[in-house]
Amino acid sequence: MLVLDGVSRKFSDKTAVDQVSAEFAPGSFVGIIGRSGAGKSTLLRMINRLVDPTAGAIRFGDRDVTRLKGAELDAWRARCAMIFQQFNLIGRLDVLTNVLMGRLDHVSAPRALLRLWSDEDRAIALSALEMFGIADLAAKRADQLSGGQQQRVAIARALVQEPRIVLADEPIASLDPRNTRIVMDALLRINRHFGITVLCNLHSLDLARGYCDRLIGMSAGRVVFDGAPAALTDDVARDLYGLEAGEVMDAAHAAPAAHAGGASQPSAVPA
C-alpha cells in the first residue's frame, strides 16, 4: 500500500502541493486530473523522490520513502518507475538497448557500462517489446521512431525494471488520438496483467473515465475530488476545471478500457 500523509511541496513562496493525503491500493489504476499548474506532476515526482517533500511523509508498506538515501533510494526508484511526457530515451541508441537500461538495477555497474547484458536480460527486454507490438523495431535507433512508438519503448523500459508502481506523467500529451489509445492500452495492460499499480496524470477527462478505476482531482495543489469515475459528473468537472472544462471533456479522444483486455502475458517479462 502506497500512503501519502499530509505531503506538501513549496518552491520559494509558491505551494505546488498542499497537504495531500491519499492511499493507493496495490493493483489500482488511478488517474490524477486537474488543470495545468494544479500540482499533478510535482505530486508524482515526490513519490519517485525526484522532488523532495517539504512536509509530510510517503510510505510504502513499512518503508518511509521520504527518508531513503543512496542505494535504498535507487532501489525505490527502480520499483517505482517513471514514464515521462518527453519519453526520455537515448536517441542515438537502438530500441533494445534503451529498454535494457531498465535493467540497470539488476546488473553490476561495470557490466552496465560495457553493455554486457545477459541472455536473460535480453529475453526480458525483447518480451516486453513484443508485448507492446514493437519487437520488430528492436534494432532501430530510438530517434527514428514515431512519438507513439517511443512512448511504448519507454513503457517497456519501465516494465523491465520489475516495478511495483508506475508513475506516468502526462504520457499521451504530445500524441495523436490513435497513438493515445495505443499508449493508454499499454498502460492498462501492465496494470491488469501484472497487477502493477499505475498512477497517471491525464488532461482528458474522457480518457480518465474510460481507463481508470479511481480519479483524484487536484486544484491549487490540493485534492478536491477523490472517487470513482462515475462520481465525477460534468458539473463536478466544470467546478474542477473552470474555463478549461470544454477542452478536457472532448469525447473524440475517449477510448473504452476494453481495448486492452485481450493481450496475453509473455513468460519472459517478470510479474
C-alpha atoms as a PDB file:
ATOM      1  CA  MET A   1       0.000   0.000   0.000  1.00  0.00           C
ATOM      2  CA  LEU A   2       1.317   3.411  -1.009  1.00  0.00           C
ATOM      3  CA  VAL A   3       0.355   6.082   1.515  1.00  0.00           C
ATOM      4  CA  LEU A   4       0.717   9.860   1.281  1.00  0.00           C
ATOM      5  CA  ASP A   5       0.354  11.570   4.635  1.00  0.00           C
ATOM      6  CA  GLY A   6      -0.015  15.339   4.536  1.00  0.00           C
ATOM      7  CA  VAL A   7       2.527  15.727   1.725  1.00  0.00           C
ATOM      8  CA  SER A   8       3.422  19.280   0.679  1.00  0.00           C
ATOM      9  CA  ARG A   9       5.969  20.912  -1.578  1.00  0.00           C
ATOM     10  CA  LYS A  10       6.888  24.587  -1.729  1.00  0.00           C
ATOM     11  CA  PHE A  11       9.043  26.286  -4.354  1.00  0.00           C
ATOM     12  CA  SER A  12      10.179  29.590  -2.855  1.00  0.00           C
ATOM     13  CA  ASP A  13       6.903  31.325  -1.937  1.00  0.00           C
ATOM     14  CA  LYS A  14       4.684  29.094  -4.127  1.00  0.00           C
ATOM     15  CA  THR A  15       2.970  25.996  -2.752  1.00  0.00           C
ATOM     16  CA  ALA A  16       2.772  23.432  -5.570  1.00  0.00           C
ATOM     17  CA  VAL A  17       1.306  20.602  -3.463  1.00  0.00           C
ATOM     18  CA  ASP A  18      -0.585  21.390  -0.284  1.00  0.00           C
ATOM     19  CA  GLN A  19      -1.148  18.743   2.420  1.00  0.00           C
ATOM     20  CA  VAL A  20      -2.173  15.862   0.176  1.00  0.00           C
ATOM     21  CA  SER A  21      -3.193  12.654   1.910  1.00  0.00           C
ATOM     22  CA  ALA A  22      -4.210   9.541  -0.015  1.00  0.00           C
ATOM     23  CA  GLU A  23      -3.860   5.761  -0.050  1.00  0.00           C
ATOM     24  CA  PHE A  24      -3.354   3.698  -3.206  1.00  0.00           C
ATOM     25  CA  ALA A  25      -4.309   0.031  -3.145  1.00  0.00           C
ATOM     26  CA  PRO A  26      -1.988  -2.448  -4.891  1.00  0.00           C
ATOM     27  CA  GLY A  27      -3.010  -3.077  -8.491  1.00  0.00           C
ATOM     28  CA  SER A  28      -5.162   0.027  -8.860  1.00  0.00           C
ATOM     29  CA  PHE A  29      -5.208   2.331 -11.897  1.00  0.00           C
ATOM     30  CA  VAL A  30      -5.581   5.895 -10.644  1.00  0.00           C
ATOM     31  CA  GLY A  31      -5.983   8.959 -12.835  1.00  0.00           C
ATOM     32  CA  ILE A  32      -4.808  12.282 -11.441  1.00  0.00           C
ATOM     33  CA  ILE A  33      -6.647  15.127 -13.110  1.00  0.00           C
ATOM     34  CA  GLY A  34      -6.779  18.891 -12.880  1.00  0.00           C
ATOM     35  CA  ARG A  35      -5.918  21.984 -14.823  1.00  0.00           C
ATOM     36  CA  SER A  36      -2.352  22.974 -15.668  1.00  0.00           C
ATOM     37  CA  GLY A  37      -0.435  24.066 -12.569  1.00  0.00           C
ATOM     38  CA  ALA A  38      -2.659  22.073 -10.204  1.00  0.00           C
ATOM     39  CA  GLY A  39       0.341  20.170  -8.767  1.00  0.00           C
ATOM     40  CA  LYS A  40      -0.100  16.829 -10.561  1.00  0.00           C
ATOM     41  CA  SER A  41       3.459  16.494 -11.889  1.00  0.00           C
ATOM     42  CA  THR A  42       5.019  17.645  -8.624  1.00  0.00           C
ATOM     43  CA  LEU A  43       2.991  15.028  -6.762  1.00  0.00           C
ATOM     44  CA  LEU A  44       4.276  12.167  -8.924  1.00  0.00           C
ATOM     45  CA  ARG A  45       7.840  13.444  -8.769  1.00  0.00           C
ATOM     46  CA  MET A  46       7.668  13.498  -4.974  1.00  0.00           C
ATOM     47  CA  ILE A  47       6.512   9.875  -4.899  1.00  0.00           C
ATOM     48  CA  ASN A  48       9.533   8.926  -7.029  1.00  0.00           C
ATOM     49  CA  ARG A  49      11.713  11.301  -4.950  1.00  0.00           C
ATOM     50  CA  LEU A  50      12.826  13.315  -7.975  1.00  0.00           C
ATOM     51  CA  VAL A  51      11.476  16.166  -5.849  1.00  0.00           C
ATOM     52  CA  ASP A  52      11.646  16.042  -2.053  1.00  0.00           C
ATOM     53  CA  PRO A  53       8.570  16.953   0.019  1.00  0.00           C
ATOM     54  CA  THR A  54       8.902  19.983   2.272  1.00  0.00           C
ATOM     55  CA  ALA A  55       6.380  18.438   4.684  1.00  0.00           C
ATOM     56  CA  GLY A  56       4.559  15.176   5.257  1.00  0.00           C
ATOM     57  CA  ALA A  57       5.536  11.561   4.643  1.00  0.00           C
ATOM     58  CA  ILE A  58       5.366   8.993   1.853  1.00  0.00           C
ATOM     59  CA  ARG A  59       5.212   5.348   2.915  1.00  0.00           C
ATOM     60  CA  PHE A  60       5.174   2.077   1.012  1.00  0.00           C
ATOM     61  CA  GLY A  61       4.380  -0.821   3.288  1.00  0.00           C
ATOM     62  CA  ASP A  62       6.645  -0.406   6.317  1.00  0.00           C
ATOM     63  CA  ARG A  63       9.150   1.762   4.406  1.00  0.00           C
ATOM     64  CA  ASP A  64       9.336   5.535   4.862  1.00  0.00           C
ATOM     65  CA  VAL A  65      10.137   6.632   1.312  1.00  0.00           C
ATOM     66  CA  THR A  66      10.876  10.210   2.375  1.00  0.00           C
ATOM     67  CA  ARG A  67      13.885   9.029   4.421  1.00  0.00           C
ATOM     68  CA  LEU A  68      15.553   6.849   1.779  1.00  0.00           C
ATOM     69  CA  LYS A  69      19.076   7.732   0.638  1.00  0.00           C
ATOM     70  CA  GLY A  70      21.820   6.272  -1.545  1.00  0.00           C
ATOM     71  CA  ALA A  71      21.354   2.682  -2.673  1.00  0.00           C
ATOM     72  CA  GLU A  72      17.978   2.387  -0.930  1.00  0.00           C
ATOM     73  CA  LEU A  73      16.684   5.407  -2.844  1.00  0.00           C
ATOM     74  CA  ASP A  74      17.982   3.959  -6.128  1.00  0.00           C
ATOM     75  CA  ALA A  75      16.194   0.694  -5.354  1.00  0.00           C
ATOM     76  CA  TRP A  76      12.956   2.578  -4.645  1.00  0.00           C
ATOM     77  CA  ARG A  77      13.165   4.396  -7.973  1.00  0.00           C
ATOM     78  CA  ALA A  78      13.596   1.053  -9.712  1.00  0.00           C
ATOM     79  CA  ARG A  79      10.461  -0.276  -8.005  1.00  0.00           C
ATOM     80  CA  CYS A  80       8.562   2.977  -8.634  1.00  0.00           C
ATOM     81  CA  ALA A  81       9.163   3.600 -12.336  1.00  0.00           C
ATOM     82  CA  MET A  82       8.547   6.953 -14.045  1.00  0.00           C
ATOM     83  CA  ILE A  83       7.219   7.455 -17.564  1.00  0.00           C
ATOM     84  CA  PHE A  84       7.606  10.991 -18.866  1.00  0.00           C
ATOM     85  CA  GLN A  85       5.805  13.063 -21.479  1.00  0.00           C
ATOM     86  CA  GLN A  86       9.128  13.594 -23.319  1.00  0.00           C
ATOM     87  CA  PHE A  87       9.876   9.798 -23.445  1.00  0.00           C
ATOM     88  CA  ASN A  88      13.452  10.314 -22.073  1.00  0.00           C
ATOM     89  CA  LEU A  89      15.031   7.814 -24.470  1.00  0.00           C
ATOM     90  CA  ILE A  90      18.630   7.967 -25.693  1.00  0.00           C
ATOM     91  CA  GLY A  91      18.030   8.752 -29.352  1.00  0.00           C
ATOM     92  CA  ARG A  92      21.355   7.514 -30.727  1.00  0.00           C
ATOM     93  CA  LEU A  93      20.957   4.083 -29.123  1.00  0.00           C
ATOM     94  CA  ASP A  94      18.828   1.287 -30.525  1.00  0.00           C
ATOM     95  CA  VAL A  95      15.451   0.418 -29.066  1.00  0.00           C
ATOM     96  CA  LEU A  96      16.586  -2.801 -27.366  1.00  0.00           C
ATOM     97  CA  THR A  97      19.437  -1.018 -25.548  1.00  0.00           C
ATOM     98  CA  ASN A  98      17.048   1.690 -24.368  1.00  0.00           C
ATOM     99  CA  VAL A  99      14.781  -0.953 -22.883  1.00  0.00           C
ATOM    100  CA  LEU A 100      17.738  -2.782 -21.325  1.00  0.00           C
ATOM    101  CA  MET A 101      18.560   0.435 -19.441  1.00  0.00           C
ATOM    102  CA  GLY A 102      15.616  -0.505 -17.269  1.00  0.00           C
ATOM    103  CA  ARG A 103      17.658  -3.475 -16.032  1.00  0.00           C
ATOM    104  CA  LEU A 104      20.463  -1.322 -14.576  1.00  0.00           C
ATOM    105  CA  ASP A 105      19.328  -2.059 -11.035  1.00  0.00           C
ATOM    106  CA  HIS A 106      19.696  -5.794 -11.753  1.00  0.00           C
ATOM    107  CA  VAL A 107      23.290  -5.819 -13.068  1.00  0.00           C
ATOM    108  CA  SER A 108      26.649  -4.592 -11.790  1.00  0.00           C
ATOM    109  CA  ALA A 109      27.788  -1.108 -12.819  1.00  0.00           C
ATOM    110  CA  PRO A 110      30.761  -2.368 -14.888  1.00  0.00           C
ATOM    111  CA  ARG A 111      28.565  -4.761 -16.858  1.00  0.00           C
ATOM    112  CA  ALA A 112      26.031  -1.997 -17.482  1.00  0.00           C
ATOM    113  CA  LEU A 113      28.701   0.447 -18.671  1.00  0.00           C
ATOM    114  CA  LEU A 114      30.083  -2.145 -21.084  1.00  0.00           C
ATOM    115  CA  ARG A 115      26.563  -3.202 -22.123  1.00  0.00           C
ATOM    116  CA  LEU A 116      27.329  -6.796 -21.169  1.00  0.00           C
ATOM    117  CA  TRP A 117      23.700  -7.814 -20.878  1.00  0.00           C
ATOM    118  CA  SER A 118      22.866 -11.409 -20.044  1.00  0.00           C
ATOM    119  CA  ASP A 119      20.749 -13.594 -22.305  1.00  0.00           C
ATOM    120  CA  GLU A 120      18.049 -13.459 -19.638  1.00  0.00           C
ATOM    121  CA  ASP A 121      18.034  -9.644 -19.637  1.00  0.00           C
ATOM    122  CA  ARG A 122      17.821  -9.571 -23.433  1.00  0.00           C
ATOM    123  CA  ALA A 123      14.952 -12.069 -23.390  1.00  0.00           C
ATOM    124  CA  ILE A 124      13.073  -9.988 -20.827  1.00  0.00           C
ATOM    125  CA  ALA A 125      13.558  -6.811 -22.887  1.00  0.00           C
ATOM    126  CA  LEU A 126      12.513  -8.449 -26.153  1.00  0.00           C
ATOM    127  CA  SER A 127       9.466  -9.969 -24.485  1.00  0.00           C
ATOM    128  CA  ALA A 128       8.410  -6.536 -23.235  1.00  0.00           C
ATOM    129  CA  LEU A 129       8.797  -5.079 -26.730  1.00  0.00           C
ATOM    130  CA  GLU A 130       6.784  -7.965 -28.157  1.00  0.00           C
ATOM    131  CA  MET A 131       4.054  -7.348 -25.605  1.00  0.00           C
ATOM    132  CA  PHE A 132       3.582  -3.843 -26.984  1.00  0.00           C
ATOM    133  CA  GLY A 133       3.856  -4.847 -30.638  1.00  0.00           C
ATOM    134  CA  ILE A 134       7.251  -3.274 -31.369  1.00  0.00           C
ATOM    135  CA  ALA A 135       9.718  -6.178 -31.178  1.00  0.00           C
ATOM    136  CA  ASP A 136      10.472  -5.661 -34.871  1.00  0.00           C
ATOM    137  CA  LEU A 137      11.891  -2.225 -34.000  1.00  0.00           C
ATOM    138  CA  ALA A 138      14.493  -3.578 -31.547  1.00  0.00           C
ATOM    139  CA  ALA A 139      17.481  -2.727 -33.792  1.00  0.00           C
ATOM    140  CA  LYS A 140      16.285   0.734 -34.861  1.00  0.00           C
ATOM    141  CA  ARG A 141      17.621   3.943 -33.351  1.00  0.00           C
ATOM    142  CA  ALA A 142      15.162   5.396 -30.868  1.00  0.00           C
ATOM    143  CA  ASP A 143      15.196   8.800 -32.565  1.00  0.00           C
ATOM    144  CA  GLN A 144      13.871   7.206 -35.787  1.00  0.00           C
ATOM    145  CA  LEU A 145      10.580   6.181 -34.145  1.00  0.00           C
ATOM    146  CA  SER A 146       7.257   7.984 -34.031  1.00  0.00           C
ATOM    147  CA  GLY A 147       6.100   9.539 -30.790  1.00  0.00           C
ATOM    148  CA  GLY A 148       3.719   6.699 -30.043  1.00  0.00           C
ATOM    149  CA  GLN A 149       6.415   4.104 -30.682  1.00  0.00           C
ATOM    150  CA  GLN A 150       8.874   5.956 -28.448  1.00  0.00           C
ATOM    151  CA  GLN A 151       6.364   6.064 -25.620  1.00  0.00           C
ATOM    152  CA  ARG A 152       5.761   2.314 -25.925  1.00  0.00           C
ATOM    153  CA  VAL A 153       9.537   1.810 -25.712  1.00  0.00           C
ATOM    154  CA  ALA A 154       9.528   3.937 -22.544  1.00  0.00           C
ATOM    155  CA  ILE A 155       6.734   1.790 -21.075  1.00  0.00           C
ATOM    156  CA  ALA A 156       8.658  -1.387 -21.962  1.00  0.00           C
ATOM    157  CA  ARG A 157      11.739   0.066 -20.249  1.00  0.00           C
ATOM    158  CA  ALA A 158       9.656   0.776 -17.138  1.00  0.00           C
ATOM    159  CA  LEU A 159       8.198  -2.740 -17.170  1.00  0.00           C
ATOM    160  CA  VAL A 160      11.589  -4.491 -17.229  1.00  0.00           C
ATOM    161  CA  GLN A 161      12.537  -2.630 -14.044  1.00  0.00           C
ATOM    162  CA  GLU A 162      10.103  -5.040 -12.350  1.00  0.00           C
ATOM    163  CA  PRO A 163       8.275  -2.141 -10.674  1.00  0.00           C
ATOM    164  CA  ARG A 164       5.536  -2.346  -8.093  1.00  0.00           C
ATOM    165  CA  ILE A 165       4.289   1.105  -9.142  1.00  0.00           C
ATOM    166  CA  VAL A 166       4.367   3.005 -12.443  1.00  0.00           C
ATOM    167  CA  LEU A 167       4.041   6.799 -12.403  1.00  0.00           C
ATOM    168  CA  ALA A 168       3.031   8.197 -15.806  1.00  0.00           C
ATOM    169  CA  ASP A 169       3.322  11.975 -16.092  1.00  0.00           C
ATOM    170  CA  GLU A 170       1.123  13.149 -18.990  1.00  0.00           C
ATOM    171  CA  PRO A 171       2.281  10.183 -21.125  1.00  0.00           C
ATOM    172  CA  ILE A 172      -0.035  10.993 -24.053  1.00  0.00           C
ATOM    173  CA  ALA A 173       0.143  14.800 -24.079  1.00  0.00           C
ATOM    174  CA  SER A 174       2.035  15.032 -27.392  1.00  0.00           C
ATOM    175  CA  LEU A 175       0.333  12.121 -29.201  1.00  0.00           C
ATOM    176  CA  ASP A 176      -2.414  11.940 -31.802  1.00  0.00           C
ATOM    177  CA  PRO A 177      -5.708  10.160 -30.968  1.00  0.00           C
ATOM    178  CA  ARG A 178      -4.636   6.785 -32.429  1.00  0.00           C
ATOM    179  CA  ASN A 179      -1.334   6.681 -30.539  1.00  0.00           C
ATOM    180  CA  THR A 180      -3.086   7.991 -27.454  1.00  0.00           C
ATOM    181  CA  ARG A 181      -5.277   4.874 -27.404  1.00  0.00           C
ATOM    182  CA  ILE A 182      -2.317   2.580 -28.085  1.00  0.00           C
ATOM    183  CA  VAL A 183      -0.275   4.039 -25.212  1.00  0.00           C
ATOM    184  CA  MET A 184      -3.195   4.044 -22.760  1.00  0.00           C
ATOM    185  CA  ASP A 185      -3.946   0.429 -23.720  1.00  0.00           C
ATOM    186  CA  ALA A 186      -0.302  -0.422 -22.968  1.00  0.00           C
ATOM    187  CA  LEU A 187      -0.518   1.125 -19.508  1.00  0.00           C
ATOM    188  CA  LEU A 188      -3.776  -0.662 -18.789  1.00  0.00           C
ATOM    189  CA  ARG A 189      -2.259  -3.936 -19.980  1.00  0.00           C
ATOM    190  CA  ILE A 190       0.629  -3.833 -17.497  1.00  0.00           C
ATOM    191  CA  ASN A 191      -1.844  -2.877 -14.777  1.00  0.00           C
ATOM    192  CA  ARG A 192      -4.223  -5.762 -15.465  1.00  0.00           C
ATOM    193  CA  HIS A 193      -1.780  -8.496 -16.447  1.00  0.00           C
ATOM    194  CA  PHE A 194       0.956  -7.836 -13.888  1.00  0.00           C
ATOM    195  CA  GLY A 195      -1.032  -6.179 -11.092  1.00  0.00           C
ATOM    196  CA  ILE A 196       1.227  -3.116 -11.210  1.00  0.00           C
ATOM    197  CA  THR A 197      -0.225  -0.012  -9.586  1.00  0.00           C
ATOM    198  CA  VAL A 198      -0.472   2.804 -12.131  1.00  0.00           C
ATOM    199  CA  LEU A 199      -0.776   6.489 -11.225  1.00  0.00           C
ATOM    200  CA  CYS A 200      -1.322   8.515 -14.379  1.00  0.00           C
ATOM    201  CA  ASN A 201      -1.619  12.271 -14.849  1.00  0.00           C
ATOM    202  CA  LEU A 202      -4.173  12.931 -17.569  1.00  0.00           C
ATOM    203  CA  HIS A 203      -5.589  16.012 -19.235  1.00  0.00           C
ATOM    204  CA  SER A 204      -8.612  14.401 -20.917  1.00  0.00           C
ATOM    205  CA  LEU A 205     -11.473  13.568 -18.603  1.00  0.00           C
ATOM    206  CA  ASP A 206     -12.937  11.104 -21.099  1.00  0.00           C
ATOM    207  CA  LEU A 207      -9.699   9.111 -21.145  1.00  0.00           C
ATOM    208  CA  ALA A 208      -9.555   9.227 -17.354  1.00  0.00           C
ATOM    209  CA  ARG A 209     -13.124   7.953 -17.083  1.00  0.00           C
ATOM    210  CA  GLY A 210     -12.515   5.236 -19.679  1.00  0.00           C
ATOM    211  CA  TYR A 211      -9.304   3.766 -18.273  1.00  0.00           C
ATOM    212  CA  CYS A 212      -9.067   4.470 -14.544  1.00  0.00           C
ATOM    213  CA  ASP A 213     -10.559   2.727 -11.501  1.00  0.00           C
ATOM    214  CA  ARG A 214     -10.368   5.905  -9.459  1.00  0.00           C
ATOM    215  CA  LEU A 215      -9.861   9.600 -10.093  1.00  0.00           C
ATOM    216  CA  ILE A 216      -8.138  12.177  -7.933  1.00  0.00           C
ATOM    217  CA  GLY A 217      -8.883  15.776  -8.870  1.00  0.00           C
ATOM    218  CA  MET A 218      -6.391  18.466  -7.860  1.00  0.00           C
ATOM    219  CA  SER A 219      -6.778  22.229  -7.775  1.00  0.00           C
ATOM    220  CA  ALA A 220      -4.181  24.696  -6.494  1.00  0.00           C
ATOM    221  CA  GLY A 221      -2.140  21.830  -5.017  1.00  0.00           C
ATOM    222  CA  ARG A 222      -4.999  20.315  -3.030  1.00  0.00           C
ATOM    223  CA  VAL A 223      -7.145  17.226  -3.569  1.00  0.00           C
ATOM    224  CA  VAL A 224     -10.685  18.432  -4.268  1.00  0.00           C
ATOM    225  CA  PHE A 225     -12.126  15.185  -5.662  1.00  0.00           C
ATOM    226  CA  ASP A 226     -11.361  11.546  -4.870  1.00  0.00           C
ATOM    227  CA  GLY A 227     -13.689   8.847  -6.087  1.00  0.00           C
ATOM    228  CA  ALA A 228     -14.920   6.526  -8.800  1.00  0.00           C
ATOM    229  CA  PRO A 229     -15.049   7.846 -12.375  1.00  0.00           C
ATOM    230  CA  ALA A 230     -18.843   7.598 -12.357  1.00  0.00           C
ATOM    231  CA  ALA A 231     -18.974  10.048  -9.458  1.00  0.00           C
ATOM    232  CA  LEU A 232     -17.190  12.712 -11.489  1.00  0.00           C
ATOM    233  CA  THR A 233     -20.219  14.360 -13.032  1.00  0.00           C
ATOM    234  CA  ASP A 234     -19.974  17.074 -15.659  1.00  0.00           C
ATOM    235  CA  ASP A 235     -20.927  19.618 -13.016  1.00  0.00           C
ATOM    236  CA  VAL A 236     -18.088  18.473 -10.752  1.00  0.00           C
ATOM    237  CA  ALA A 237     -15.713  18.583 -13.729  1.00  0.00           C
ATOM    238  CA  ARG A 238     -16.738  22.144 -14.549  1.00  0.00           C
ATOM    239  CA  ASP A 239     -16.086  23.139 -10.956  1.00  0.00           C
ATOM    240  CA  LEU A 240     -12.670  21.445 -11.116  1.00  0.00           C
ATOM    241  CA  TYR A 241     -11.543  22.832 -14.473  1.00  0.00           C
ATOM    242  CA  GLY A 242     -13.444  26.087 -14.785  1.00  0.00           C
ATOM    243  CA  LEU A 243     -12.946  27.604 -18.222  1.00  0.00           C
ATOM    244  CA  GLU A 244     -10.852  24.598 -19.352  1.00  0.00           C
ATOM    245  CA  ALA A 245     -13.758  22.165 -18.889  1.00  0.00           C
ATOM    246  CA  GLY A 246     -14.822  22.196 -22.543  1.00  0.00           C
ATOM    247  CA  GLU A 247     -11.297  21.341 -23.692  1.00  0.00           C
ATOM    248  CA  VAL A 248     -10.762  18.389 -21.358  1.00  0.00           C
ATOM    249  CA  MET A 249     -14.225  16.882 -21.867  1.00  0.00           C
ATOM    250  CA  ASP A 250     -13.585  16.160 -25.566  1.00  0.00           C
ATOM    251  CA  ALA A 251     -15.278  12.817 -26.197  1.00  0.00           C
ATOM    252  CA  ALA A 252     -13.484  12.423 -29.526  1.00  0.00           C
ATOM    253  CA  HIS A 253     -10.381  11.169 -27.731  1.00  0.00           C
ATOM    254  CA  ALA A 254     -12.152   8.722 -25.417  1.00  0.00           C
ATOM    255  CA  ALA A 255     -11.224   5.043 -25.550  1.00  0.00           C
ATOM    256  CA  PRO A 256     -13.020   2.297 -23.611  1.00  0.00           C
ATOM    257  CA  ALA A 257     -10.937   0.234 -21.219  1.00  0.00           C
ATOM    258  CA  ALA A 258     -11.966  -2.940 -23.024  1.00  0.00           C
ATOM    259  CA  HIS A 259      -9.393  -2.228 -25.771  1.00  0.00           C
ATOM    260  CA  ALA A 260      -6.578  -3.560 -23.583  1.00  0.00           C
ATOM    261  CA  GLY A 261      -8.225  -6.670 -22.270  1.00  0.00           C
ATOM    262  CA  GLY A 262      -7.160  -9.223 -24.837  1.00  0.00           C
ATOM    263  CA  ALA A 263      -3.369  -9.400 -24.607  1.00  0.00           C
ATOM    264  CA  SER A 264      -1.644 -12.447 -23.186  1.00  0.00           C
ATOM    265  CA  GLN A 265       1.149 -12.299 -20.636  1.00  0.00           C
ATOM    266  CA  PRO A 266       4.596 -13.124 -22.039  1.00  0.00           C
ATOM    267  CA  SER A 267       6.501 -15.546 -19.841  1.00  0.00           C
ATOM    268  CA  ALA A 268       9.858 -13.739 -20.085  1.00  0.00           C
ATOM    269  CA  VAL A 269       8.643 -10.460 -18.590  1.00  0.00           C
ATOM    270  CA  PRO A 270       8.676 -10.554 -14.785  1.00  0.00           C
ATOM    271  CA  ALA A 271       5.399 -10.001 -12.955  1.00  0.00           C
END
